[in-house]
N, C-alpha and C. Protein backbone atom coordinates (compact mmCIF):
# COMPACT_ATOMS: atom_id res chain seq x y z
N MET A 1 0.83 -1.19 0.00
CA MET A 1 0.00 0.00 0.00
C MET A 1 0.87 1.25 0.00
N LEU A 2 1.96 1.24 0.80
CA LEU A 2 2.90 2.35 0.83
C LEU A 2 3.55 2.50 -0.54
N ASN A 3 3.83 1.37 -1.20
CA ASN A 3 4.45 1.41 -2.52
C ASN A 3 3.53 2.08 -3.53
N ASP A 4 2.22 1.78 -3.47
CA ASP A 4 1.26 2.40 -4.39
C ASP A 4 1.21 3.91 -4.18
N LYS A 5 1.23 4.35 -2.93
CA LYS A 5 1.20 5.77 -2.64
C LYS A 5 2.46 6.45 -3.18
N ALA A 6 3.60 5.78 -3.03
CA ALA A 6 4.85 6.35 -3.53
C ALA A 6 4.80 6.47 -5.04
N ASP A 7 4.32 5.44 -5.73
CA ASP A 7 4.22 5.50 -7.19
C ASP A 7 3.27 6.61 -7.63
N ASP A 8 2.19 6.81 -6.90
CA ASP A 8 1.20 7.82 -7.25
C ASP A 8 1.69 9.25 -7.00
N MET A 9 2.69 9.40 -6.12
CA MET A 9 3.16 10.75 -5.81
C MET A 9 3.97 11.36 -6.95
N LEU A 10 4.40 10.55 -7.92
CA LEU A 10 5.19 11.06 -9.03
C LEU A 10 4.29 11.69 -10.10
N ASN A 11 4.69 12.87 -10.55
CA ASN A 11 4.03 13.50 -11.69
C ASN A 11 4.65 12.93 -12.96
N GLU A 12 4.13 13.33 -14.11
CA GLU A 12 4.70 12.84 -15.37
C GLU A 12 6.12 13.36 -15.57
N GLU A 13 6.43 14.53 -15.02
CA GLU A 13 7.78 15.07 -15.06
C GLU A 13 8.30 15.12 -13.63
N VAL A 14 9.48 14.53 -13.42
CA VAL A 14 9.99 14.34 -12.05
C VAL A 14 11.36 15.00 -11.90
N ALA A 15 11.51 15.83 -10.85
CA ALA A 15 12.80 16.44 -10.54
C ALA A 15 13.65 15.44 -9.75
N GLN A 16 14.97 15.69 -9.73
CA GLN A 16 15.87 14.73 -9.07
C GLN A 16 15.59 14.62 -7.57
N ASN A 17 15.29 15.74 -6.91
CA ASN A 17 14.98 15.66 -5.48
C ASN A 17 13.67 14.91 -5.24
N GLU A 18 12.74 14.94 -6.21
CA GLU A 18 11.51 14.17 -6.09
C GLU A 18 11.79 12.67 -6.22
N ILE A 19 12.82 12.32 -6.99
CA ILE A 19 13.23 10.91 -7.08
C ILE A 19 13.69 10.43 -5.71
N LEU A 20 14.47 11.26 -5.03
CA LEU A 20 14.93 10.89 -3.67
C LEU A 20 13.75 10.72 -2.72
N ASP A 21 12.81 11.67 -2.75
CA ASP A 21 11.62 11.59 -1.89
C ASP A 21 10.82 10.32 -2.20
N PHE A 22 10.69 10.02 -3.49
CA PHE A 22 9.97 8.82 -3.94
C PHE A 22 10.61 7.55 -3.37
N ILE A 23 11.93 7.45 -3.48
CA ILE A 23 12.64 6.25 -2.99
C ILE A 23 12.54 6.15 -1.47
N ASP A 24 12.72 7.29 -0.79
CA ASP A 24 12.61 7.28 0.68
C ASP A 24 11.22 6.83 1.12
N MET A 25 10.19 7.34 0.46
CA MET A 25 8.82 6.97 0.84
C MET A 25 8.54 5.50 0.51
N LYS A 26 8.98 5.08 -0.66
CA LYS A 26 8.68 3.71 -1.09
C LYS A 26 9.36 2.68 -0.19
N TYR A 27 10.59 2.97 0.27
CA TYR A 27 11.35 2.00 1.06
C TYR A 27 11.31 2.31 2.56
N GLY A 28 10.65 3.39 2.93
CA GLY A 28 10.42 3.68 4.34
C GLY A 28 11.67 4.00 5.14
N VAL A 29 12.72 4.50 4.49
CA VAL A 29 13.95 4.86 5.19
C VAL A 29 14.41 6.21 4.65
N ASN A 30 14.73 7.13 5.55
CA ASN A 30 15.19 8.46 5.11
C ASN A 30 16.62 8.40 4.61
N GLN A 31 16.88 9.13 3.55
CA GLN A 31 18.21 9.27 2.97
C GLN A 31 18.84 7.92 2.64
N LEU A 32 18.06 7.07 2.01
CA LEU A 32 18.54 5.75 1.61
C LEU A 32 19.62 5.87 0.54
N VAL A 33 19.43 6.81 -0.38
CA VAL A 33 20.44 7.08 -1.42
C VAL A 33 20.67 8.59 -1.49
N THR A 34 21.73 8.97 -2.20
CA THR A 34 22.07 10.40 -2.33
C THR A 34 21.78 10.87 -3.75
N GLN A 35 21.85 12.18 -3.93
CA GLN A 35 21.69 12.77 -5.27
C GLN A 35 22.73 12.18 -6.22
N ARG A 36 23.96 12.04 -5.73
CA ARG A 36 25.04 11.51 -6.57
C ARG A 36 24.75 10.08 -7.01
N THR A 37 24.21 9.27 -6.11
CA THR A 37 23.85 7.89 -6.46
C THR A 37 22.79 7.88 -7.55
N ILE A 38 21.77 8.70 -7.39
CA ILE A 38 20.71 8.78 -8.39
C ILE A 38 21.30 9.20 -9.74
N GLN A 39 22.17 10.22 -9.73
CA GLN A 39 22.78 10.69 -10.97
C GLN A 39 23.60 9.56 -11.63
N ARG A 40 24.36 8.83 -10.83
CA ARG A 40 25.17 7.72 -11.36
C ARG A 40 24.27 6.64 -11.97
N TRP A 41 23.17 6.30 -11.28
CA TRP A 41 22.25 5.29 -11.80
C TRP A 41 21.61 5.74 -13.11
N LEU A 42 21.22 7.00 -13.18
CA LEU A 42 20.61 7.53 -14.40
C LEU A 42 21.60 7.43 -15.58
N GLU A 43 22.85 7.76 -15.30
CA GLU A 43 23.88 7.67 -16.35
C GLU A 43 24.12 6.21 -16.75
N GLU A 44 24.19 5.30 -15.75
CA GLU A 44 24.40 3.87 -16.02
C GLU A 44 23.35 3.34 -16.97
N LEU A 45 22.10 3.71 -16.72
CA LEU A 45 20.99 3.18 -17.50
C LEU A 45 20.71 4.01 -18.76
N GLY A 46 21.49 5.07 -18.96
CA GLY A 46 21.31 5.90 -20.15
C GLY A 46 20.00 6.65 -20.15
N ILE A 47 19.51 7.02 -18.98
CA ILE A 47 18.27 7.78 -18.89
C ILE A 47 18.60 9.26 -18.98
N ASP A 48 18.06 9.91 -20.00
CA ASP A 48 18.30 11.33 -20.21
C ASP A 48 17.13 12.14 -19.69
N CYS A 49 17.43 13.39 -19.38
CA CYS A 49 16.36 14.28 -18.94
C CYS A 49 15.49 14.64 -20.14
N ILE A 50 14.34 15.19 -19.82
CA ILE A 50 13.43 15.64 -20.88
C ILE A 50 14.12 16.80 -21.60
N GLN A 51 14.16 16.74 -22.90
CA GLN A 51 14.88 17.74 -23.69
C GLN A 51 14.07 19.02 -23.81
N PRO A 52 14.63 20.16 -24.05
CA PRO A 52 16.08 20.42 -24.06
C PRO A 52 16.61 20.53 -22.63
N ARG A 53 17.88 20.23 -22.44
CA ARG A 53 18.49 20.25 -21.10
C ARG A 53 18.57 21.70 -20.61
N PRO A 54 17.98 21.97 -19.42
CA PRO A 54 18.00 23.34 -18.90
C PRO A 54 19.40 23.73 -18.40
N LYS A 55 19.59 25.02 -18.22
CA LYS A 55 20.90 25.51 -17.76
C LYS A 55 21.15 25.15 -16.30
N ARG A 56 20.12 25.23 -15.48
CA ARG A 56 20.28 24.94 -14.04
C ARG A 56 19.93 23.47 -13.78
N ASN A 57 20.76 22.80 -12.95
CA ASN A 57 20.49 21.39 -12.59
C ASN A 57 19.15 21.26 -11.87
N ARG A 58 18.77 22.28 -11.15
CA ARG A 58 17.53 22.26 -10.38
C ARG A 58 16.31 22.12 -11.30
N ASP A 59 16.45 22.56 -12.52
CA ASP A 59 15.33 22.53 -13.47
C ASP A 59 15.26 21.25 -14.30
N ILE A 60 16.21 20.34 -14.11
CA ILE A 60 16.23 19.09 -14.88
C ILE A 60 15.04 18.22 -14.47
N ARG A 61 14.35 17.64 -15.45
CA ARG A 61 13.20 16.78 -15.19
C ARG A 61 13.37 15.47 -15.95
N TYR A 62 12.80 14.40 -15.36
CA TYR A 62 12.84 13.07 -15.98
C TYR A 62 11.41 12.57 -16.13
N ARG A 63 11.20 11.64 -17.02
CA ARG A 63 9.88 11.05 -17.22
C ARG A 63 9.55 10.10 -16.06
N LYS A 64 8.31 10.08 -15.67
CA LYS A 64 7.85 9.18 -14.61
C LYS A 64 8.17 7.73 -14.99
N SER A 65 7.93 7.35 -16.23
CA SER A 65 8.19 5.97 -16.65
C SER A 65 9.67 5.61 -16.51
N ASP A 66 10.57 6.58 -16.78
CA ASP A 66 12.00 6.33 -16.63
C ASP A 66 12.38 6.16 -15.15
N VAL A 67 11.76 6.96 -14.28
CA VAL A 67 12.03 6.87 -12.84
C VAL A 67 11.56 5.51 -12.29
N LEU A 68 10.38 5.08 -12.72
CA LEU A 68 9.86 3.78 -12.28
C LEU A 68 10.73 2.64 -12.80
N LYS A 69 11.24 2.79 -14.03
CA LYS A 69 12.15 1.79 -14.60
C LYS A 69 13.45 1.75 -13.79
N LEU A 70 13.98 2.92 -13.45
CA LEU A 70 15.20 3.01 -12.63
C LEU A 70 14.99 2.30 -11.30
N GLU A 71 13.88 2.60 -10.64
CA GLU A 71 13.60 1.99 -9.32
C GLU A 71 13.46 0.48 -9.44
N GLU A 72 12.81 0.02 -10.48
CA GLU A 72 12.61 -1.42 -10.66
C GLU A 72 13.94 -2.13 -10.88
N ILE A 73 14.79 -1.55 -11.71
CA ILE A 73 16.10 -2.16 -11.99
C ILE A 73 16.99 -2.15 -10.75
N LYS A 74 16.91 -1.12 -9.95
CA LYS A 74 17.78 -0.98 -8.77
C LYS A 74 17.14 -1.47 -7.47
N ARG A 75 15.98 -2.11 -7.57
CA ARG A 75 15.23 -2.55 -6.38
C ARG A 75 16.08 -3.41 -5.44
N THR A 76 16.80 -4.40 -5.97
CA THR A 76 17.61 -5.28 -5.12
C THR A 76 18.63 -4.48 -4.33
N ASN A 77 19.28 -3.56 -5.02
CA ASN A 77 20.27 -2.72 -4.37
C ASN A 77 19.62 -1.86 -3.28
N LEU A 78 18.47 -1.28 -3.60
CA LEU A 78 17.77 -0.45 -2.62
C LEU A 78 17.32 -1.25 -1.41
N LEU A 79 16.82 -2.47 -1.63
CA LEU A 79 16.39 -3.32 -0.51
C LEU A 79 17.59 -3.69 0.36
N ARG A 80 18.72 -3.99 -0.27
CA ARG A 80 19.92 -4.33 0.49
C ARG A 80 20.35 -3.13 1.34
N LYS A 81 20.34 -1.94 0.72
CA LYS A 81 20.71 -0.73 1.47
C LYS A 81 19.73 -0.47 2.62
N LYS A 82 18.44 -0.69 2.34
CA LYS A 82 17.43 -0.48 3.38
C LYS A 82 17.69 -1.41 4.56
N ASN A 83 17.95 -2.69 4.28
CA ASN A 83 18.21 -3.66 5.35
C ASN A 83 19.46 -3.29 6.14
N LYS A 84 20.51 -2.83 5.44
CA LYS A 84 21.72 -2.41 6.14
C LYS A 84 21.43 -1.22 7.04
N GLU A 85 20.66 -0.26 6.51
CA GLU A 85 20.32 0.94 7.27
C GLU A 85 19.50 0.58 8.52
N LEU A 86 18.51 -0.30 8.33
CA LEU A 86 17.68 -0.70 9.47
C LEU A 86 18.51 -1.48 10.49
N ALA A 87 19.41 -2.36 10.02
CA ALA A 87 20.27 -3.13 10.93
C ALA A 87 21.18 -2.18 11.70
N ARG A 88 21.72 -1.16 11.02
CA ARG A 88 22.58 -0.19 11.69
C ARG A 88 21.79 0.57 12.76
N LYS A 89 20.55 0.96 12.44
CA LYS A 89 19.72 1.66 13.42
C LYS A 89 19.40 0.77 14.61
N ASP A 90 19.13 -0.53 14.34
CA ASP A 90 18.86 -1.47 15.43
C ASP A 90 20.07 -1.60 16.34
N LYS A 91 21.26 -1.71 15.75
CA LYS A 91 22.50 -1.82 16.55
C LYS A 91 22.71 -0.58 17.38
N GLU A 92 22.46 0.59 16.77
CA GLU A 92 22.62 1.84 17.52
C GLU A 92 21.64 1.90 18.68
N LYS A 93 20.41 1.46 18.47
CA LYS A 93 19.41 1.47 19.54
C LYS A 93 19.82 0.53 20.66
N ILE A 94 20.30 -0.67 20.30
CA ILE A 94 20.74 -1.63 21.31
C ILE A 94 21.90 -1.05 22.11
N ALA A 95 22.87 -0.43 21.40
CA ALA A 95 24.02 0.15 22.08
C ALA A 95 23.58 1.28 23.02
N THR A 96 22.65 2.10 22.57
CA THR A 96 22.14 3.19 23.41
C THR A 96 21.43 2.64 24.64
N ASP A 97 20.60 1.62 24.44
CA ASP A 97 19.90 1.00 25.57
C ASP A 97 20.88 0.39 26.57
N MET A 98 21.92 -0.25 26.05
CA MET A 98 22.92 -0.86 26.94
C MET A 98 23.66 0.22 27.73
N GLN A 99 23.98 1.34 27.07
CA GLN A 99 24.65 2.44 27.77
C GLN A 99 23.76 2.99 28.88
N LYS A 100 22.46 3.15 28.60
CA LYS A 100 21.53 3.65 29.61
C LYS A 100 21.48 2.69 30.81
N LYS A 101 21.40 1.39 30.51
CA LYS A 101 21.35 0.40 31.59
C LYS A 101 22.62 0.43 32.42
N GLU A 102 23.77 0.56 31.74
CA GLU A 102 25.03 0.61 32.46
C GLU A 102 25.11 1.84 33.35
N ILE A 103 24.64 2.99 32.83
CA ILE A 103 24.63 4.22 33.62
C ILE A 103 23.71 4.06 34.83
N GLU A 104 22.52 3.50 34.61
CA GLU A 104 21.58 3.29 35.72
C GLU A 104 22.17 2.33 36.75
N TYR A 105 22.83 1.27 36.29
CA TYR A 105 23.44 0.31 37.22
C TYR A 105 24.56 0.98 38.02
N ASN A 106 25.39 1.79 37.35
CA ASN A 106 26.47 2.49 38.06
C ASN A 106 25.91 3.48 39.07
N GLN A 107 24.82 4.17 38.71
CA GLN A 107 24.18 5.09 39.65
C GLN A 107 23.61 4.32 40.84
N TRP A 108 23.02 3.16 40.56
CA TRP A 108 22.47 2.34 41.64
C TRP A 108 23.60 1.87 42.57
N LEU A 109 24.73 1.44 41.95
CA LEU A 109 25.87 1.01 42.77
C LEU A 109 26.40 2.15 43.62
N ALA A 110 26.48 3.34 43.04
CA ALA A 110 26.99 4.50 43.78
C ALA A 110 26.07 4.88 44.94
N SER A 111 24.78 4.62 44.78
CA SER A 111 23.83 5.00 45.83
C SER A 111 23.76 3.96 46.96
N MET A 112 24.34 2.79 46.75
CA MET A 112 24.28 1.73 47.77
C MET A 112 25.27 1.98 48.90
N THR A 113 24.83 1.70 50.11
CA THR A 113 25.73 1.80 51.26
C THR A 113 26.43 0.45 51.42
N ASP A 114 27.42 0.41 52.31
CA ASP A 114 28.13 -0.85 52.55
C ASP A 114 27.19 -1.92 53.10
N VAL A 115 26.25 -1.51 53.92
CA VAL A 115 25.27 -2.46 54.48
C VAL A 115 24.41 -3.03 53.35
N ASP A 116 23.97 -2.14 52.42
CA ASP A 116 23.18 -2.60 51.28
C ASP A 116 23.96 -3.59 50.43
N ARG A 117 25.25 -3.31 50.21
CA ARG A 117 26.08 -4.20 49.39
C ARG A 117 26.21 -5.57 50.04
N ARG A 118 26.47 -5.58 51.33
CA ARG A 118 26.60 -6.87 52.04
C ARG A 118 25.29 -7.65 51.99
N GLN A 119 24.17 -6.95 52.17
CA GLN A 119 22.87 -7.61 52.11
C GLN A 119 22.61 -8.17 50.72
N GLN A 120 22.99 -7.41 49.68
CA GLN A 120 22.82 -7.87 48.31
C GLN A 120 23.67 -9.12 48.05
N GLU A 121 24.91 -9.12 48.56
CA GLU A 121 25.77 -10.29 48.39
C GLU A 121 25.17 -11.51 49.08
N ILE A 122 24.61 -11.30 50.26
CA ILE A 122 23.97 -12.41 50.99
C ILE A 122 22.75 -12.91 50.22
N ASP A 123 21.94 -11.97 49.72
CA ASP A 123 20.75 -12.36 48.94
C ASP A 123 21.15 -13.15 47.70
N ASP A 124 22.18 -12.68 46.99
CA ASP A 124 22.64 -13.38 45.79
C ASP A 124 23.18 -14.77 46.11
N MET A 125 23.86 -14.87 47.26
CA MET A 125 24.47 -16.15 47.64
C MET A 125 23.39 -17.21 47.92
N TYR A 126 22.23 -16.78 48.42
CA TYR A 126 21.18 -17.74 48.79
C TYR A 126 20.02 -17.76 47.79
N ASP A 127 20.24 -17.28 46.58
CA ASP A 127 19.20 -17.28 45.56
C ASP A 127 19.31 -18.57 44.74
N TYR A 128 18.32 -19.42 44.87
CA TYR A 128 18.35 -20.72 44.19
C TYR A 128 17.27 -20.83 43.11
N LYS A 129 16.77 -19.67 42.65
CA LYS A 129 15.73 -19.71 41.61
C LYS A 129 16.27 -20.27 40.30
N VAL A 130 17.46 -19.84 39.90
CA VAL A 130 18.02 -20.30 38.63
C VAL A 130 18.30 -21.80 38.67
N PRO A 131 18.97 -22.31 39.70
CA PRO A 131 19.17 -23.76 39.75
C PRO A 131 17.84 -24.53 39.80
N ALA A 132 16.84 -23.95 40.49
CA ALA A 132 15.54 -24.62 40.57
C ALA A 132 14.88 -24.67 39.20
N LEU A 133 14.93 -23.56 38.46
CA LEU A 133 14.37 -23.55 37.11
C LEU A 133 15.09 -24.54 36.19
N ASN A 134 16.41 -24.61 36.31
CA ASN A 134 17.17 -25.55 35.49
C ASN A 134 16.79 -26.99 35.80
N LYS A 135 16.61 -27.29 37.06
CA LYS A 135 16.23 -28.65 37.45
C LYS A 135 14.84 -28.99 36.91
N ILE A 136 13.92 -28.04 36.98
CA ILE A 136 12.57 -28.26 36.46
C ILE A 136 12.62 -28.49 34.95
N ARG A 137 13.42 -27.71 34.24
CA ARG A 137 13.56 -27.90 32.79
C ARG A 137 14.08 -29.30 32.47
N GLU A 138 15.07 -29.73 33.21
CA GLU A 138 15.61 -31.08 33.00
C GLU A 138 14.52 -32.12 33.21
N ASP A 139 13.75 -31.96 34.26
CA ASP A 139 12.69 -32.93 34.55
C ASP A 139 11.60 -32.91 33.49
N LYS A 140 11.27 -31.74 32.97
CA LYS A 140 10.25 -31.65 31.92
C LYS A 140 10.71 -32.40 30.68
N LEU A 141 11.96 -32.22 30.32
CA LEU A 141 12.48 -32.92 29.16
C LEU A 141 12.47 -34.43 29.39
N GLU A 142 12.90 -34.82 30.56
CA GLU A 142 12.97 -36.25 30.90
C GLU A 142 11.60 -36.90 30.84
N MET A 143 10.59 -36.21 31.22
CA MET A 143 9.25 -36.78 31.32
C MET A 143 8.41 -36.59 30.05
N CYS A 144 8.97 -35.94 29.01
CA CYS A 144 8.15 -35.55 27.85
C CYS A 144 6.90 -34.87 28.41
N PHE A 145 7.14 -33.91 29.23
CA PHE A 145 6.19 -33.30 30.15
C PHE A 145 4.79 -33.05 29.56
N ARG A 146 4.71 -32.35 28.51
CA ARG A 146 3.38 -31.90 28.05
C ARG A 146 2.51 -33.03 27.52
N LYS A 147 3.12 -34.00 26.85
CA LYS A 147 2.32 -35.07 26.26
C LYS A 147 1.95 -36.14 27.27
N LEU A 148 2.91 -36.51 28.09
CA LEU A 148 2.68 -37.65 28.98
C LEU A 148 2.08 -37.29 30.33
N PHE A 149 2.37 -36.08 30.82
CA PHE A 149 1.93 -35.72 32.17
C PHE A 149 1.25 -34.34 32.19
N PRO A 150 0.10 -34.24 31.58
CA PRO A 150 -0.55 -32.93 31.52
C PRO A 150 -1.05 -32.43 32.88
N ASP A 151 -1.20 -33.31 33.87
CA ASP A 151 -1.73 -32.90 35.18
C ASP A 151 -0.63 -32.59 36.19
N VAL A 152 0.63 -32.57 35.76
CA VAL A 152 1.74 -32.36 36.69
C VAL A 152 2.06 -30.88 36.82
N LYS A 153 2.38 -30.45 38.04
CA LYS A 153 2.88 -29.09 38.26
C LYS A 153 4.11 -29.18 39.15
N PHE A 154 4.91 -28.12 39.13
CA PHE A 154 6.15 -28.09 39.88
C PHE A 154 6.06 -27.04 40.98
N ASP A 155 6.44 -27.44 42.19
CA ASP A 155 6.43 -26.53 43.33
C ASP A 155 7.81 -25.89 43.43
N MET A 156 7.95 -24.73 42.82
CA MET A 156 9.23 -24.04 42.73
C MET A 156 9.78 -23.68 44.11
N GLU A 157 8.92 -23.17 44.99
CA GLU A 157 9.39 -22.76 46.32
C GLU A 157 9.94 -23.96 47.09
N HIS A 158 9.27 -25.10 47.00
CA HIS A 158 9.73 -26.29 47.70
C HIS A 158 11.09 -26.73 47.16
N LEU A 159 11.25 -26.68 45.84
CA LEU A 159 12.54 -27.06 45.24
C LEU A 159 13.63 -26.09 45.66
N GLU A 160 13.33 -24.79 45.72
CA GLU A 160 14.32 -23.82 46.19
C GLU A 160 14.77 -24.14 47.61
N LYS A 161 13.82 -24.50 48.49
CA LYS A 161 14.16 -24.85 49.87
C LYS A 161 15.03 -26.10 49.92
N ILE A 162 14.69 -27.10 49.07
CA ILE A 162 15.48 -28.33 49.02
C ILE A 162 16.92 -28.01 48.61
N LEU A 163 17.08 -27.26 47.55
CA LEU A 163 18.42 -26.91 47.05
C LEU A 163 19.19 -26.07 48.07
N PHE A 164 18.50 -25.14 48.72
CA PHE A 164 19.14 -24.33 49.76
C PHE A 164 19.65 -25.22 50.89
N THR A 165 18.84 -26.14 51.33
CA THR A 165 19.22 -27.03 52.43
C THR A 165 20.41 -27.90 52.04
N ILE A 166 20.40 -28.44 50.82
CA ILE A 166 21.49 -29.31 50.38
C ILE A 166 22.79 -28.53 50.20
N ASN A 167 22.70 -27.32 49.66
CA ASN A 167 23.90 -26.53 49.39
C ASN A 167 24.42 -25.76 50.59
N GLU A 168 23.62 -25.65 51.63
CA GLU A 168 24.05 -24.97 52.86
C GLU A 168 23.83 -25.89 54.06
N PRO A 169 24.52 -27.04 54.12
CA PRO A 169 24.24 -28.01 55.18
C PRO A 169 24.58 -27.49 56.59
N SER A 170 25.52 -26.56 56.68
CA SER A 170 25.91 -26.06 58.01
C SER A 170 24.79 -25.23 58.65
N MET A 171 23.84 -24.78 57.85
CA MET A 171 22.75 -23.97 58.39
C MET A 171 21.54 -24.81 58.77
N HIS A 172 21.61 -26.13 58.58
CA HIS A 172 20.47 -27.00 58.83
C HIS A 172 20.89 -28.21 59.65
N SER A 173 19.92 -28.81 60.28
CA SER A 173 20.21 -30.02 61.07
C SER A 173 20.44 -31.20 60.11
N ASP A 174 21.01 -32.28 60.66
CA ASP A 174 21.25 -33.48 59.85
C ASP A 174 19.93 -34.04 59.33
N LEU A 175 18.89 -33.96 60.14
CA LEU A 175 17.58 -34.47 59.74
C LEU A 175 17.04 -33.67 58.54
N GLU A 176 17.14 -32.32 58.61
CA GLU A 176 16.68 -31.47 57.50
C GLU A 176 17.49 -31.75 56.23
N TYR A 177 18.80 -31.90 56.40
CA TYR A 177 19.67 -32.16 55.26
C TYR A 177 19.32 -33.51 54.62
N GLY A 178 19.14 -34.54 55.44
CA GLY A 178 18.78 -35.87 54.93
C GLY A 178 17.43 -35.85 54.24
N GLN A 179 16.47 -35.17 54.83
CA GLN A 179 15.13 -35.08 54.23
C GLN A 179 15.19 -34.36 52.89
N ALA A 180 16.02 -33.32 52.78
CA ALA A 180 16.16 -32.57 51.53
C ALA A 180 16.72 -33.47 50.43
N ILE A 181 17.71 -34.31 50.77
CA ILE A 181 18.28 -35.23 49.78
C ILE A 181 17.23 -36.24 49.33
N VAL A 182 16.46 -36.77 50.29
CA VAL A 182 15.40 -37.72 49.95
C VAL A 182 14.35 -37.04 49.06
N ASP A 183 13.94 -35.81 49.42
CA ASP A 183 12.94 -35.08 48.64
C ASP A 183 13.43 -34.83 47.21
N LEU A 184 14.72 -34.52 47.07
CA LEU A 184 15.26 -34.29 45.73
C LEU A 184 15.26 -35.58 44.91
N LYS A 185 15.70 -36.69 45.53
CA LYS A 185 15.74 -37.97 44.82
C LYS A 185 14.34 -38.44 44.45
N GLU A 186 13.38 -38.23 45.34
CA GLU A 186 12.01 -38.68 45.09
C GLU A 186 11.18 -37.63 44.34
N LYS A 187 11.82 -36.51 44.03
CA LYS A 187 11.17 -35.42 43.29
C LYS A 187 9.87 -34.97 44.00
N ALA A 188 10.01 -34.69 45.27
CA ALA A 188 8.86 -34.29 46.09
C ALA A 188 8.30 -32.93 45.67
N TYR A 189 9.01 -32.21 44.87
CA TYR A 189 8.55 -30.90 44.40
C TYR A 189 7.63 -31.02 43.18
N ILE A 190 7.45 -32.25 42.68
CA ILE A 190 6.54 -32.48 41.55
C ILE A 190 5.19 -32.91 42.12
N LYS A 191 4.16 -32.14 41.81
CA LYS A 191 2.83 -32.40 42.36
C LYS A 191 1.86 -32.74 41.23
N ASN A 192 0.78 -33.42 41.58
CA ASN A 192 -0.26 -33.74 40.61
C ASN A 192 -1.41 -32.78 40.87
N TYR A 193 -1.98 -32.19 39.82
CA TYR A 193 -3.10 -31.24 39.98
C TYR A 193 -4.28 -31.89 40.70
N LYS A 194 -4.41 -33.19 40.57
CA LYS A 194 -5.54 -33.88 41.17
C LYS A 194 -5.37 -34.05 42.67
N ASP A 195 -4.14 -33.92 43.17
CA ASP A 195 -3.89 -34.10 44.63
C ASP A 195 -4.46 -32.95 45.41
């Protein structure tokens, strides 16, 4: 639909700057090509301006049919340039977002007190969500989870407690540690919806 609008915007006589506007609108990217590129393409294809050639370059006009022919012949090149331009813009956006996140993280670090840092280190040390998720993923694969066991659910909090107990035995009694090992082996964190 955008392509039809771009084709319709051309008059029967087209100035060189209108060719640029036409290409930008048709391909949805600003400054996809330059005046010099357009001039080179016109020369390559032997497309002449409407005669007689005016004294000022600004007054040069081309036929609409010649401009459409030029665009059709150069379409692959224009699409390649468009994709490169969009990829470059995406990379720039990602880099900008990463810089913002880094700045925010550094500001957050600067605002933290020593007590906050120690608390964060303690919280990170006892965070077992990632290992719990990994264990659940392994179990899902092992069980062909979705097809064979549609009524099964996983108790994430219980698994986190089991892993915490096993990985921090000095903080728990021998009974708690032994029970955690048994619960892990018996997969006590896997529940049936019907239970």
